[in-house]
Amino acid sequence: LMTGSAIHAQYADFLVIGTALDMSANRFDCCKRGQLRVYKLSNLGNTVQMESPALMCTQPLKGLPKCICSFRGGLLVAFGKKIEFYRFRNSTTVNTHHNQHAMLVNDARFNIEITDRIRDGNFYICGIEFDDKIQDINEADNSHRSQNNEEETDKDSGSKLPHLFVCDNRSGFHVFVFNRHRKRFDYVVSQSFVHHPLTSILVDPHTLAVSNLFGTVSISRLSLISDDKHSYKQSCFNNLVDFYVGDTIVSM
């Protein structure tokens, strides 16, 4: 199993690959351990020939990395029911021969977990969607708006705060919004059951198209509604349209 993400960090380009460890008989469901392999890409400006990528470090994981994506200069890595956020250390200070795991640092503040309180059962996170034009975490952390501006921002459907759509392989998407007061991602709302989602795409920052195992596409829009206590309990998904394709949908 290989999932990859290209990322620019500390003035260098890296390719991060997730791999399975101790897997027998090619059965992914029996694999309980994985790792990240970080490769440094060199000579990208040369359109004729590129140097072989150099392995910079490996990062062990307590699960199979089903999904990796670059996010705000770091990495979101999904395994099981959890997402961990990793930042890059300056690669010039890392001795890859003596400190193989020093390049990636887990920032636990931005970890996410789909707990039993959100949804129980046997499932794993299979996808992450987000709008790359939304405000940076660091900007949200250091925001010094006036109280009036804060209230206006929170009431503006949360559109200026980072939010993640996290998909599990059984029932669809769950939304987590960055809480700039607590400096973490808080769970907001889940879709009504989408049976066995296969593929998805973010149409705009709040609209999702999701297909399922049975050839149906559902398009729904997230309505983020904040109250005076910066809570999004009234938020919901509004189903816009369902239509039947009739074939197995493998990409969108």
C-alpha atoms as a PDB file:
ATOM      1  CA  LEU A   1       0.000   0.000   0.000  1.00  0.00           C
ATOM      2  CA  MET A   2       1.398   3.370  -0.970  1.00  0.00           C
ATOM      3  CA  THR A   3      -0.122   6.774  -0.505  1.00  0.00           C
ATOM      4  CA  GLY A   4       1.848   9.881  -1.281  1.00  0.00           C
ATOM      5  CA  SER A   5       1.991  13.613  -0.811  1.00  0.00           C
ATOM      6  CA  ALA A   6       4.303  16.199  -2.322  1.00  0.00           C
ATOM      7  CA  ILE A   7       5.127  19.053   0.019  1.00  0.00           C
ATOM      8  CA  HIS A   8       7.316  22.146   0.136  1.00  0.00           C
ATOM      9  CA  ALA A   9       8.892  22.695   3.545  1.00  0.00           C
ATOM     10  CA  GLN A  10      11.976  24.490   4.813  1.00  0.00           C
ATOM     11  CA  TYR A  11      12.956  25.580   1.266  1.00  0.00           C
ATOM     12  CA  ALA A  12      13.109  22.016  -0.064  1.00  0.00           C
ATOM     13  CA  ASP A  13      10.676  19.707  -1.844  1.00  0.00           C
ATOM     14  CA  PHE A  14       9.759  16.375  -0.321  1.00  0.00           C
ATOM     15  CA  LEU A  15       7.801  13.331  -1.370  1.00  0.00           C
ATOM     16  CA  VAL A  16       6.193  11.493   1.539  1.00  0.00           C
ATOM     17  CA  ILE A  17       5.132   7.880   1.006  1.00  0.00           C
ATOM     18  CA  GLY A  18       3.068   5.747   3.383  1.00  0.00           C
ATOM     19  CA  THR A  19       3.846   2.033   3.434  1.00  0.00           C
ATOM     20  CA  ALA A  20       2.555  -1.098   5.137  1.00  0.00           C
ATOM     21  CA  LEU A  21       4.757  -3.117   7.485  1.00  0.00           C
ATOM     22  CA  ASP A  22       4.509  -6.801   8.466  1.00  0.00           C
ATOM     23  CA  MET A  23       1.747  -7.458   5.956  1.00  0.00           C
ATOM     24  CA  SER A  24       1.108 -11.107   5.172  1.00  0.00           C
ATOM     25  CA  ALA A  25      -0.666 -12.504   2.103  1.00  0.00           C
ATOM     26  CA  ASN A  26      -1.379  -8.975   0.786  1.00  0.00           C
ATOM     27  CA  ARG A  27      -4.222  -8.541   3.272  1.00  0.00           C
ATOM     28  CA  PHE A  28      -4.415  -4.871   4.193  1.00  0.00           C
ATOM     29  CA  ASP A  29      -7.117  -5.479   6.795  1.00  0.00           C
ATOM     30  CA  CYS A  30      -4.673  -7.598   8.812  1.00  0.00           C
ATOM     31  CA  CYS A  31      -1.877  -5.032   8.764  1.00  0.00           C
ATOM     32  CA  LYS A  32      -1.518  -3.102  12.029  1.00  0.00           C
ATOM     33  CA  ARG A  33       1.691  -1.149  11.443  1.00  0.00           C
ATOM     34  CA  GLY A  34       2.938   1.301   8.875  1.00  0.00           C
ATOM     35  CA  GLN A  35       5.471   4.007   8.340  1.00  0.00           C
ATOM     36  CA  LEU A  36       6.146   7.253   6.492  1.00  0.00           C
ATOM     37  CA  ARG A  37       9.164   7.496   4.217  1.00  0.00           C
ATOM     38  CA  VAL A  38      10.346  11.041   3.475  1.00  0.00           C
ATOM     39  CA  TYR A  39      12.335  11.593   0.270  1.00  0.00           C
ATOM     40  CA  LYS A  40      14.050  14.824  -0.699  1.00  0.00           C
ATOM     41  CA  LEU A  41      13.622  15.807  -4.345  1.00  0.00           C
ATOM     42  CA  SER A  42      16.531  17.541  -6.049  1.00  0.00           C
ATOM     43  CA  ASN A  43      17.104  19.185  -9.424  1.00  0.00           C
ATOM     44  CA  LEU A  44      13.383  19.699 -10.056  1.00  0.00           C
ATOM     45  CA  GLY A  45      14.172  22.579 -12.407  1.00  0.00           C
ATOM     46  CA  ASN A  46      15.855  20.247 -14.867  1.00  0.00           C
ATOM     47  CA  THR A  47      13.213  19.096 -17.344  1.00  0.00           C
ATOM     48  CA  VAL A  48      15.505  16.488 -18.939  1.00  0.00           C
ATOM     49  CA  GLN A  49      16.862  14.480 -16.018  1.00  0.00           C
ATOM     50  CA  MET A  50      16.209  14.393 -12.296  1.00  0.00           C
ATOM     51  CA  GLU A  51      18.445  13.056  -9.559  1.00  0.00           C
ATOM     52  CA  SER A  52      17.299   9.999  -7.647  1.00  0.00           C
ATOM     53  CA  PRO A  53      15.356  11.095  -4.523  1.00  0.00           C
ATOM     54  CA  ALA A  54      17.260  10.749  -1.255  1.00  0.00           C
ATOM     55  CA  LEU A  55      15.623   9.010   1.706  1.00  0.00           C
ATOM     56  CA  MET A  56      15.772  11.524   4.562  1.00  0.00           C
ATOM     57  CA  CYS A  57      13.954   9.690   7.346  1.00  0.00           C
ATOM     58  CA  THR A  58      11.309   7.150   8.260  1.00  0.00           C
ATOM     59  CA  GLN A  59       8.512   7.676  10.769  1.00  0.00           C
ATOM     60  CA  PRO A  60       6.833   4.624  12.382  1.00  0.00           C
ATOM     61  CA  LEU A  61       3.053   4.674  12.750  1.00  0.00           C
ATOM     62  CA  LYS A  62       0.708   2.647  14.940  1.00  0.00           C
ATOM     63  CA  GLY A  63      -1.526   1.840  12.014  1.00  0.00           C
ATOM     64  CA  LEU A  64      -1.805   1.645   8.244  1.00  0.00           C
ATOM     65  CA  PRO A  65      -1.551   5.124   6.613  1.00  0.00           C
ATOM     66  CA  LYS A  66      -4.652   5.090   4.410  1.00  0.00           C
ATOM     67  CA  CYS A  67      -4.460   8.773   3.530  1.00  0.00           C
ATOM     68  CA  ILE A  68      -1.719  11.440   3.500  1.00  0.00           C
ATOM     69  CA  CYS A  69      -2.067  15.056   2.432  1.00  0.00           C
ATOM     70  CA  SER A  70      -0.007  18.214   2.778  1.00  0.00           C
ATOM     71  CA  PHE A  71      -1.654  20.828   4.972  1.00  0.00           C
ATOM     72  CA  ARG A  72      -0.280  24.259   5.951  1.00  0.00           C
ATOM     73  CA  GLY A  73       3.374  23.321   5.598  1.00  0.00           C
ATOM     74  CA  GLY A  74       2.894  20.008   7.387  1.00  0.00           C
ATOM     75  CA  LEU A  75       1.239  16.642   6.901  1.00  0.00           C
ATOM     76  CA  LEU A  76      -2.124  15.154   7.816  1.00  0.00           C
ATOM     77  CA  VAL A  77      -1.750  11.377   8.159  1.00  0.00           C
ATOM     78  CA  ALA A  78      -4.848   9.206   8.604  1.00  0.00           C
ATOM     79  CA  PHE A  79      -4.695   5.709  10.054  1.00  0.00           C
ATOM     80  CA  GLY A  80      -7.550   3.856  11.680  1.00  0.00           C
ATOM     81  CA  LYS A  81      -9.950   6.360  13.236  1.00  0.00           C
ATOM     82  CA  LYS A  82      -7.249   8.991  13.852  1.00  0.00           C
ATOM     83  CA  ILE A  83      -5.487  11.768  11.985  1.00  0.00           C
ATOM     84  CA  GLU A  84      -2.109  12.983  13.186  1.00  0.00           C
ATOM     85  CA  PHE A  85      -0.533  16.275  12.142  1.00  0.00           C
ATOM     86  CA  TYR A  86       3.230  16.343  11.546  1.00  0.00           C
ATOM     87  CA  ARG A  87       5.475  19.373  11.147  1.00  0.00           C
ATOM     88  CA  PHE A  88       8.856  19.386   9.428  1.00  0.00           C
ATOM     89  CA  ARG A  89      12.022  20.266  11.263  1.00  0.00           C
ATOM     90  CA  ASN A  90      14.731  22.080   9.383  1.00  0.00           C
ATOM     91  CA  SER A  91      16.307  19.350   7.257  1.00  0.00           C
ATOM     92  CA  THR A  92      19.768  20.928   7.533  1.00  0.00           C
ATOM     93  CA  THR A  93      19.860  20.102  11.270  1.00  0.00           C
ATOM     94  CA  VAL A  94      18.855  16.448  10.885  1.00  0.00           C
ATOM     95  CA  ASN A  95      21.527  13.750  10.763  1.00  0.00           C
ATOM     96  CA  THR A  96      19.671  11.018   8.896  1.00  0.00           C
ATOM     97  CA  HIS A  97      22.274   8.357   9.760  1.00  0.00           C
ATOM     98  CA  HIS A  98      21.947   8.802  13.523  1.00  0.00           C
ATOM     99  CA  ASN A  99      18.451  10.217  14.024  1.00  0.00           C
ATOM    100  CA  GLN A 100      16.070   8.608  11.564  1.00  0.00           C
ATOM    101  CA  HIS A 101      12.857   9.952  13.147  1.00  0.00           C
ATOM    102  CA  ALA A 102      13.896  13.525  13.952  1.00  0.00           C
ATOM    103  CA  MET A 103      12.646  15.208  10.788  1.00  0.00           C
ATOM    104  CA  LEU A 104       8.899  14.844  11.425  1.00  0.00           C
ATOM    105  CA  VAL A 105       7.417  16.083  14.691  1.00  0.00           C
ATOM    106  CA  ASN A 106       3.854  15.306  15.714  1.00  0.00           C
ATOM    107  CA  ASP A 107       1.922  18.403  16.809  1.00  0.00           C
ATOM    108  CA  ALA A 108      -0.757  16.770  18.968  1.00  0.00           C
ATOM    109  CA  ARG A 109      -2.807  19.992  19.185  1.00  0.00           C
ATOM    110  CA  PHE A 110      -4.062  19.409  15.652  1.00  0.00           C
ATOM    111  CA  ASN A 111      -4.675  15.659  15.894  1.00  0.00           C
ATOM    112  CA  ILE A 112      -8.200  14.461  15.150  1.00  0.00           C
ATOM    113  CA  GLU A 113     -10.064  11.318  16.185  1.00  0.00           C
ATOM    114  CA  ILE A 114     -13.501  10.001  15.264  1.00  0.00           C
ATOM    115  CA  THR A 115     -14.507   8.773  18.705  1.00  0.00           C
ATOM    116  CA  ASP A 116     -17.434   6.522  19.606  1.00  0.00           C
ATOM    117  CA  ARG A 117     -19.315   9.663  20.625  1.00  0.00           C
ATOM    118  CA  ILE A 118     -19.200  10.790  16.984  1.00  0.00           C
ATOM    119  CA  ARG A 119     -19.770   7.426  15.317  1.00  0.00           C
ATOM    120  CA  ASP A 120     -19.218   3.897  16.577  1.00  0.00           C
ATOM    121  CA  GLY A 121     -18.574   0.733  14.678  1.00  0.00           C
ATOM    122  CA  ASN A 122     -15.778  -0.841  12.680  1.00  0.00           C
ATOM    123  CA  PHE A 123     -14.434   1.656  10.133  1.00  0.00           C
ATOM    124  CA  TYR A 124     -11.353   3.632   9.177  1.00  0.00           C
ATOM    125  CA  ILE A 125     -10.658   7.105   7.779  1.00  0.00           C
ATOM    126  CA  CYS A 126     -10.302   6.867   4.010  1.00  0.00           C
ATOM    127  CA  GLY A 127     -10.270  10.476   2.849  1.00  0.00           C
ATOM    128  CA  ILE A 128      -9.660  14.113   3.788  1.00  0.00           C
ATOM    129  CA  GLU A 129     -11.049  17.097   1.894  1.00  0.00           C
ATOM    130  CA  PHE A 130     -10.378  20.780   2.579  1.00  0.00           C
ATOM    131  CA  ASP A 131     -10.212  24.099   0.771  1.00  0.00           C
ATOM    132  CA  ASP A 132      -6.588  25.177   0.369  1.00  0.00           C
ATOM    133  CA  LYS A 133      -7.610  28.842   0.120  1.00  0.00           C
ATOM    134  CA  ILE A 134      -8.943  29.073   3.672  1.00  0.00           C
ATOM    135  CA  GLN A 135      -7.041  30.851   6.424  1.00  0.00           C
ATOM    136  CA  ASP A 136      -3.811  29.339   7.678  1.00  0.00           C
ATOM    137  CA  ILE A 137      -3.696  27.750  11.137  1.00  0.00           C
ATOM    138  CA  ASN A 138      -0.890  30.080  12.151  1.00  0.00           C
ATOM    139  CA  GLU A 139      -2.869  33.113  11.045  1.00  0.00           C
ATOM    140  CA  ALA A 140      -5.849  31.855  13.026  1.00  0.00           C
ATOM    141  CA  ASP A 141      -3.605  31.244  16.043  1.00  0.00           C
ATOM    142  CA  ASN A 142      -2.222  34.755  15.944  1.00  0.00           C
ATOM    143  CA  SER A 143      -5.417  36.526  15.072  1.00  0.00           C
ATOM    144  CA  HIS A 144      -5.805  39.820  16.945  1.00  0.00           C
ATOM    145  CA  ARG A 145      -9.170  41.001  15.683  1.00  0.00           C
ATOM    146  CA  SER A 146     -11.385  43.204  17.813  1.00  0.00           C
ATOM    147  CA  GLN A 147     -14.298  41.579  19.660  1.00  0.00           C
ATOM    148  CA  ASN A 148     -16.747  42.945  17.098  1.00  0.00           C
ATOM    149  CA  ASN A 149     -14.763  41.554  14.214  1.00  0.00           C
ATOM    150  CA  GLU A 150     -14.535  38.178  15.980  1.00  0.00           C
ATOM    151  CA  GLU A 151     -18.296  38.005  16.345  1.00  0.00           C
ATOM    152  CA  GLU A 152     -18.797  38.911  12.688  1.00  0.00           C
ATOM    153  CA  THR A 153     -16.263  36.299  11.619  1.00  0.00           C
ATOM    154  CA  ASP A 154     -17.829  33.534  13.719  1.00  0.00           C
ATOM    155  CA  LYS A 155     -21.283  34.313  12.371  1.00  0.00           C
ATOM    156  CA  ASP A 156     -20.042  34.269   8.781  1.00  0.00           C
ATOM    157  CA  SER A 157     -20.591  30.514   8.437  1.00  0.00           C
ATOM    158  CA  GLY A 158     -17.094  29.806   9.665  1.00  0.00           C
ATOM    159  CA  SER A 159     -15.813  30.405   6.133  1.00  0.00           C
ATOM    160  CA  LYS A 160     -12.609  32.107   7.263  1.00  0.00           C
ATOM    161  CA  LEU A 161     -11.498  29.382   9.665  1.00  0.00           C
ATOM    162  CA  PRO A 162      -9.863  26.133   8.541  1.00  0.00           C
ATOM    163  CA  HIS A 163     -12.273  23.225   8.454  1.00  0.00           C
ATOM    164  CA  LEU A 164     -11.687  19.627   7.420  1.00  0.00           C
ATOM    165  CA  PHE A 165     -14.059  17.121   5.850  1.00  0.00           C
ATOM    166  CA  VAL A 166     -12.983  13.697   7.151  1.00  0.00           C
ATOM    167  CA  CYS A 167     -14.474  10.642   5.443  1.00  0.00           C
ATOM    168  CA  ASP A 168     -14.787   7.160   6.901  1.00  0.00           C
ATOM    169  CA  ASN A 169     -15.246   4.110   4.690  1.00  0.00           C
ATOM    170  CA  ARG A 170     -18.681   3.190   6.064  1.00  0.00           C
ATOM    171  CA  SER A 171     -20.833   6.267   6.509  1.00  0.00           C
ATOM    172  CA  GLY A 172     -19.445   9.424   4.858  1.00  0.00           C
ATOM    173  CA  PHE A 173     -18.037  12.715   6.091  1.00  0.00           C
ATOM    174  CA  HIS A 174     -17.503  14.358   9.464  1.00  0.00           C
ATOM    175  CA  VAL A 175     -16.601  18.037   9.826  1.00  0.00           C
ATOM    176  CA  PHE A 176     -13.954  19.460  12.153  1.00  0.00           C
ATOM    177  CA  VAL A 177     -13.491  23.244  12.501  1.00  0.00           C
ATOM    178  CA  PHE A 178     -10.390  24.919  13.867  1.00  0.00           C
ATOM    179  CA  ASN A 179     -11.143  26.579  17.221  1.00  0.00           C
ATOM    180  CA  ARG A 180      -8.795  29.576  17.482  1.00  0.00           C
ATOM    181  CA  HIS A 181      -9.584  30.003  21.201  1.00  0.00           C
ATOM    182  CA  ARG A 182      -8.674  26.415  22.140  1.00  0.00           C
ATOM    183  CA  LYS A 183      -6.157  26.119  19.276  1.00  0.00           C
ATOM    184  CA  ARG A 184      -7.388  22.756  18.092  1.00  0.00           C
ATOM    185  CA  PHE A 185      -9.869  21.151  15.692  1.00  0.00           C
ATOM    186  CA  ASP A 186     -13.324  20.588  17.206  1.00  0.00           C
ATOM    187  CA  TYR A 187     -15.918  18.169  15.893  1.00  0.00           C
ATOM    188  CA  VAL A 188     -18.977  19.910  14.437  1.00  0.00           C
ATOM    189  CA  VAL A 189     -21.359  17.658  12.512  1.00  0.00           C
ATOM    190  CA  SER A 190     -21.622  14.473  10.432  1.00  0.00           C
ATOM    191  CA  GLN A 191     -23.404  13.643   7.214  1.00  0.00           C
ATOM    192  CA  SER A 192     -26.469  11.493   7.324  1.00  0.00           C
ATOM    193  CA  PHE A 193     -25.451   7.965   6.415  1.00  0.00           C
ATOM    194  CA  VAL A 194     -23.741   7.617   3.007  1.00  0.00           C
ATOM    195  CA  HIS A 195     -23.418   3.860   2.629  1.00  0.00           C
ATOM    196  CA  HIS A 196     -19.890   2.801   1.640  1.00  0.00           C
ATOM    197  CA  PRO A 197     -18.529   6.016   0.066  1.00  0.00           C
ATOM    198  CA  LEU A 198     -15.970   5.385  -2.674  1.00  0.00           C
ATOM    199  CA  THR A 199     -14.916   8.744  -4.113  1.00  0.00           C
ATOM    200  CA  SER A 200     -15.488  12.398  -3.340  1.00  0.00           C
ATOM    201  CA  ILE A 201     -14.585  15.902  -4.421  1.00  0.00           C
ATOM    202  CA  LEU A 202     -14.942  19.309  -2.794  1.00  0.00           C
ATOM    203  CA  VAL A 203     -16.954  21.403  -5.252  1.00  0.00           C
ATOM    204  CA  ASP A 204     -16.475  24.591  -3.250  1.00  0.00           C
ATOM    205  CA  PRO A 205     -15.410  25.265   0.376  1.00  0.00           C
ATOM    206  CA  HIS A 206     -18.764  24.028   1.705  1.00  0.00           C
ATOM    207  CA  THR A 207     -20.144  21.705  -0.999  1.00  0.00           C
ATOM    208  CA  LEU A 208     -19.282  17.993  -1.324  1.00  0.00           C
ATOM    209  CA  ALA A 209     -19.988  15.473  -4.046  1.00  0.00           C
ATOM    210  CA  VAL A 210     -19.755  11.876  -2.806  1.00  0.00           C
ATOM    211  CA  SER A 211     -20.298   8.598  -4.645  1.00  0.00           C
ATOM    212  CA  ASN A 212     -21.046   5.261  -3.031  1.00  0.00           C
ATOM    213  CA  LEU A 213     -20.475   1.602  -3.749  1.00  0.00           C
ATOM    214  CA  PHE A 214     -23.858   1.293  -5.481  1.00  0.00           C
ATOM    215  CA  GLY A 215     -23.357   3.933  -8.196  1.00  0.00           C
ATOM    216  CA  THR A 216     -25.181   6.854  -6.586  1.00  0.00           C
ATOM    217  CA  VAL A 217     -23.805  10.406  -6.309  1.00  0.00           C
ATOM    218  CA  SER A 218     -24.936  12.696  -3.497  1.00  0.00           C
ATOM    219  CA  ILE A 219     -24.208  16.421  -3.472  1.00  0.00           C
ATOM    220  CA  SER A 220     -24.656  18.166  -0.126  1.00  0.00           C
ATOM    221  CA  ARG A 221     -23.776  21.554   1.289  1.00  0.00           C
ATOM    222  CA  LEU A 222     -22.420  22.259   4.754  1.00  0.00           C
ATOM    223  CA  SER A 223     -24.099  25.060   6.668  1.00  0.00           C
ATOM    224  CA  LEU A 224     -21.744  26.237   9.432  1.00  0.00           C
ATOM    225  CA  ILE A 225     -23.687  28.199  12.035  1.00  0.00           C
ATOM    226  CA  SER A 226     -21.922  29.602  15.094  1.00  0.00           C
ATOM    227  CA  ASP A 227     -23.529  30.913  18.290  1.00  0.00           C
ATOM    228  CA  ASP A 228     -22.234  33.475  20.788  1.00  0.00           C
ATOM    229  CA  LYS A 229     -20.206  30.784  22.575  1.00  0.00           C
ATOM    230  CA  HIS A 230     -18.307  29.897  19.381  1.00  0.00           C
ATOM    231  CA  SER A 231     -20.195  26.607  19.178  1.00  0.00           C
ATOM    232  CA  TYR A 232     -21.363  25.070  15.901  1.00  0.00           C
ATOM    233  CA  LYS A 233     -24.070  22.816  17.339  1.00  0.00           C
ATOM    234  CA  GLN A 234     -26.673  24.164  14.905  1.00  0.00           C
ATOM    235  CA  SER A 235     -24.561  23.341  11.864  1.00  0.00           C
ATOM    236  CA  CYS A 236     -25.909  20.782   9.420  1.00  0.00           C
ATOM    237  CA  PHE A 237     -25.531  19.158   6.012  1.00  0.00           C
ATOM    238  CA  ASN A 238     -28.232  20.045   3.496  1.00  0.00           C
ATOM    239  CA  ASN A 239     -28.727  17.426   0.785  1.00  0.00           C
ATOM    240  CA  LEU A 240     -28.963  19.195  -2.587  1.00  0.00           C
ATOM    241  CA  VAL A 241     -29.401  16.317  -5.024  1.00  0.00           C
ATOM    242  CA  ASP A 242     -28.968  12.546  -5.420  1.00  0.00           C
ATOM    243  CA  PHE A 243     -28.653  10.897  -8.811  1.00  0.00           C
ATOM    244  CA  TYR A 244     -27.991   7.368  -9.954  1.00  0.00           C
ATOM    245  CA  VAL A 245     -25.151   6.691 -12.408  1.00  0.00           C
ATOM    246  CA  GLY A 246     -25.539   2.926 -12.655  1.00  0.00           C
ATOM    247  CA  ASP A 247     -21.841   2.105 -12.906  1.00  0.00           C
ATOM    248  CA  THR A 248     -19.209   1.658 -10.214  1.00  0.00           C
ATOM    249  CA  ILE A 249     -17.710   5.143  -9.740  1.00  0.00           C
ATOM    250  CA  VAL A 250     -13.943   4.976  -9.239  1.00  0.00           C
ATOM    251  CA  SER A 251     -12.948   8.641  -9.518  1.00  0.00           C
ATOM    252  CA  MET A 252     -14.412  12.139  -9.582  1.00  0.00           C
END
